[in-house]
Amino acid sequence: RLSKKRHYAALLVQKAVRGFYGREYVSIYREVIVVACTKIQALYRGVLGRRRAAEIKRILTKFAVAVQPIVRGWIGRTYATWLRENWRRAKLMQKIVRGFNSRMAFKRVGYERLGTVWDKYAIRIQNIGRGYMARKEFRLKMENLVFNKILIPSVIVNQRVYRGRLGRRIGFQKRLERDAAIEL
């Protein structure tokens, strides 16, 4: 009978100790679960954020690739137009100033001394002719320079962008066909 009491007492002690440890385990488990859930949520939100950022970057890159050739072409055309207009205006201004200077020189010399200044005017006419030829040659050189330095490179850039886009599109279609063949 004493051994039954001891056995029963041992059971009660075991029961109390196991209950104590069980309650401690559950309280620690609840704390760990909260921390683990928070950590999992943070990691998953980071994954979603990176995916979203990659998608936004892909969209912006696609937009930039589509817009850049248009903007570059516009800049090249605008610059070429600006150069042509400024050459035209400079030529007109030179013409006006030279005419004014010639009239003033003619008035200074006077009509009575016209016979003595023929040589001076012949030299002046030659000077004007040489200036005209030099400006004409300069304009042709500048047009060639603009054509070679601006227009040709802009066309090359446009072609490169278009061919790249076309290559990516064809590559994407080939990948889709390959993946479809693999699934079969």
Protein backbone atom coordinates (compact mmCIF):
# COMPACT_ATOMS: atom_id res chain seq x y z
CA ARG A 1 0.00 0.00 0.00
CA LEU A 2 2.92 2.37 0.67
CA SER A 3 4.28 1.62 -2.76
CA LYS A 4 0.91 2.55 -4.30
CA LYS A 5 0.99 5.91 -2.52
CA ARG A 6 4.55 6.51 -3.69
CA HIS A 7 3.59 5.49 -7.19
CA TYR A 8 0.57 7.82 -7.10
CA ALA A 9 2.69 10.65 -5.66
CA ALA A 10 5.26 10.12 -8.44
CA LEU A 11 2.46 10.31 -11.00
CA LEU A 12 1.21 13.57 -9.50
CA VAL A 13 4.71 15.07 -9.55
CA GLN A 14 5.23 13.92 -13.15
CA LYS A 15 1.86 15.35 -14.09
CA ALA A 16 2.64 18.72 -12.50
CA VAL A 17 6.12 18.89 -14.05
CA ARG A 18 4.83 17.90 -17.49
CA GLY A 19 2.02 20.46 -17.23
CA PHE A 20 4.51 23.15 -16.21
CA TYR A 21 6.84 22.29 -19.10
CA GLY A 22 3.88 22.09 -21.51
CA ARG A 23 2.67 25.56 -20.52
CA GLU A 24 6.20 26.97 -20.83
CA TYR A 25 6.60 25.32 -24.23
CA VAL A 26 3.30 26.75 -25.46
CA SER A 27 4.16 30.30 -24.31
CA ILE A 28 7.60 30.12 -25.96
CA TYR A 29 6.04 28.54 -29.07
CA ARG A 30 3.55 31.41 -29.36
CA GLU A 31 6.34 34.00 -29.17
CA VAL A 32 8.41 32.14 -31.75
CA ILE A 33 5.40 31.78 -34.06
CA VAL A 34 4.76 35.54 -33.94
CA VAL A 35 8.41 36.31 -34.73
CA ALA A 36 8.54 33.66 -37.47
CA CYS A 37 5.32 34.94 -39.06
CA THR A 38 6.66 38.49 -39.05
CA LYS A 39 9.92 37.34 -40.62
CA ILE A 40 8.13 35.29 -43.30
CA GLN A 41 5.84 38.22 -44.11
CA ALA A 42 8.79 40.60 -44.39
CA LEU A 43 10.66 38.23 -46.69
CA TYR A 44 7.62 37.66 -48.90
CA ARG A 45 6.89 41.38 -49.10
CA GLY A 46 10.52 41.90 -50.12
CA VAL A 47 10.10 39.31 -52.88
CA LEU A 48 6.93 41.03 -54.09
CA GLY A 49 8.65 44.43 -53.98
CA ARG A 50 11.59 43.17 -56.03
CA ARG A 51 9.23 41.62 -58.57
CA ARG A 52 7.27 44.86 -58.81
CA ALA A 53 10.48 46.90 -59.16
CA ALA A 54 11.75 44.56 -61.90
CA GLU A 55 8.44 44.89 -63.76
CA ILE A 56 8.52 48.68 -63.50
CA LYS A 57 12.15 48.72 -64.68
CA ARG A 58 11.22 46.49 -67.62
CA ILE A 59 8.33 48.77 -68.60
CA LEU A 60 10.46 51.93 -68.27
CA THR A 61 13.29 50.37 -70.30
CA LYS A 62 10.83 49.38 -73.03
CA PHE A 63 9.44 52.92 -73.03
CA ALA A 64 12.93 54.46 -73.16
CA VAL A 65 13.94 52.19 -76.05
CA ALA A 66 10.82 53.23 -77.94
CA VAL A 67 11.15 56.97 -77.22
CA GLN A 68 14.90 57.49 -77.62
CA PRO A 69 15.08 57.13 -81.42
CA ILE A 70 12.14 59.48 -81.82
CA VAL A 71 13.76 62.11 -79.60
CA ARG A 72 17.16 61.70 -81.24
CA GLY A 73 15.61 62.11 -84.69
CA TRP A 74 13.73 65.21 -83.58
CA ILE A 75 16.88 66.73 -82.06
CA GLY A 76 18.87 66.04 -85.26
CA ARG A 77 16.17 67.54 -87.50
CA THR A 78 15.76 70.57 -85.25
CA TYR A 79 19.51 71.20 -85.20
CA ALA A 80 19.79 70.87 -88.99
CA THR A 81 16.88 73.31 -89.46
CA TRP A 82 18.45 75.73 -87.01
CA LEU A 83 21.76 75.63 -88.90
CA ARG A 84 20.07 76.25 -92.26
CA GLU A 85 18.06 79.17 -90.89
CA ASN A 86 21.10 80.76 -89.27
CA TRP A 87 23.14 80.45 -92.49
CA ARG A 88 20.33 82.11 -94.41
CA ARG A 89 20.03 84.93 -91.86
CA ALA A 90 23.79 85.46 -91.70
CA LYS A 91 23.96 85.69 -95.49
CA LEU A 92 21.14 88.25 -95.53
CA MET A 93 22.81 90.32 -92.81
CA GLN A 94 26.13 90.26 -94.66
CA LYS A 95 24.40 91.37 -97.84
CA ILE A 96 22.73 94.33 -96.09
CA VAL A 97 25.91 95.43 -94.30
CA ARG A 98 28.05 95.19 -97.43
CA GLY A 99 25.51 97.17 -99.45
CA PHE A 100 25.40 99.86 -96.78
CA ASN A 101 29.21 100.01 -96.57
CA SER A 102 29.48 100.30 -100.35
CA ARG A 103 26.95 103.13 -100.50
CA MET A 104 28.72 104.99 -97.71
CA ALA A 105 32.11 104.55 -99.39
CA PHE A 106 30.67 105.81 -102.67
CA LYS A 107 29.22 108.89 -100.96
CA ARG A 108 32.53 109.60 -99.18
CA VAL A 109 34.48 109.51 -102.41
CA GLY A 110 32.00 111.81 -104.09
CA TYR A 111 30.66 111.94 -107.55
CA GLU A 112 33.25 114.39 -108.88
CA ARG A 113 36.23 112.16 -108.07
CA LEU A 114 34.60 109.08 -109.56
CA GLY A 115 37.14 108.85 -112.35
CA THR A 116 40.10 108.59 -109.95
CA VAL A 117 38.73 105.71 -107.87
CA TRP A 118 37.96 103.14 -110.56
CA ASP A 119 40.85 100.98 -109.42
CA LYS A 120 39.63 101.01 -105.84
CA TYR A 121 36.15 99.87 -106.90
CA ALA A 122 37.56 97.18 -109.19
CA ILE A 123 39.50 95.79 -106.23
CA ARG A 124 36.36 96.03 -104.09
CA ILE A 125 34.29 94.13 -106.68
CA GLN A 126 36.95 91.43 -106.85
CA ASN A 127 36.93 91.25 -103.05
CA ILE A 128 33.14 90.82 -103.02
CA GLY A 129 33.34 88.08 -105.66
CA ARG A 130 35.98 86.18 -103.70
CA GLY A 131 33.93 86.56 -100.51
CA TYR A 132 30.86 85.18 -102.26
CA MET A 133 32.78 82.17 -103.56
CA ALA A 134 34.34 81.54 -100.13
CA ARG A 135 30.92 81.69 -98.42
CA LYS A 136 29.46 79.34 -101.00
CA GLU A 137 32.29 76.85 -100.51
CA PHE A 138 31.99 77.18 -96.70
CA ARG A 139 28.23 76.55 -96.86
CA LEU A 140 28.75 73.41 -98.94
CA LYS A 141 31.41 72.16 -96.52
CA MET A 142 29.13 72.83 -93.53
CA GLU A 143 26.21 71.04 -95.20
CA ASN A 144 28.44 68.04 -95.84
CA LEU A 145 29.70 68.20 -92.26
CA VAL A 146 26.14 68.31 -90.86
CA PHE A 147 25.14 65.46 -93.14
CA ASN A 148 28.14 63.32 -92.12
CA LYS A 149 28.21 64.23 -88.40
CA ILE A 150 24.49 64.43 -87.57
CA LEU A 151 22.20 62.91 -90.15
CA ILE A 152 24.16 59.74 -90.97
CA PRO A 153 24.81 58.85 -87.27
CA SER A 154 21.15 59.51 -86.41
CA VAL A 155 20.05 57.18 -89.22
CA ILE A 156 22.51 54.53 -87.97
CA VAL A 157 21.12 54.83 -84.43
CA ASN A 158 17.56 54.55 -85.71
CA GLN A 159 18.44 51.46 -87.74
CA ARG A 160 20.21 49.87 -84.78
CA VAL A 161 17.26 50.47 -82.46
CA TYR A 162 14.77 49.15 -85.03
CA ARG A 163 16.86 46.05 -85.78
CA GLY A 164 17.34 45.39 -82.06
CA ARG A 165 13.61 45.65 -81.44
CA LEU A 166 12.90 43.38 -84.39
CA GLY A 167 15.52 40.86 -83.19
CA ARG A 168 14.06 40.83 -79.67
CA ARG A 169 10.56 40.30 -81.05
CA ILE A 170 11.71 37.41 -83.25
CA GLY A 171 13.72 35.92 -80.37
CA PHE A 172 10.67 36.12 -78.09
CA GLN A 173 8.54 34.32 -80.70
CA LYS A 174 11.22 31.64 -81.13
CA ARG A 175 11.35 31.14 -77.35
CA LEU A 176 7.57 30.75 -77.27
CA GLU A 177 7.72 28.18 -80.07
CA ARG A 178 10.56 26.33 -78.31
CA ASP A 179 8.71 26.27 -74.99
CA ALA A 180 5.53 25.08 -76.72
CA ALA A 181 7.50 22.28 -78.42
CA ILE A 182 9.05 21.31 -75.09
CA GLU A 183 5.61 21.09 -73.43
CA LEU A 184 4.39 18.72 -76.13
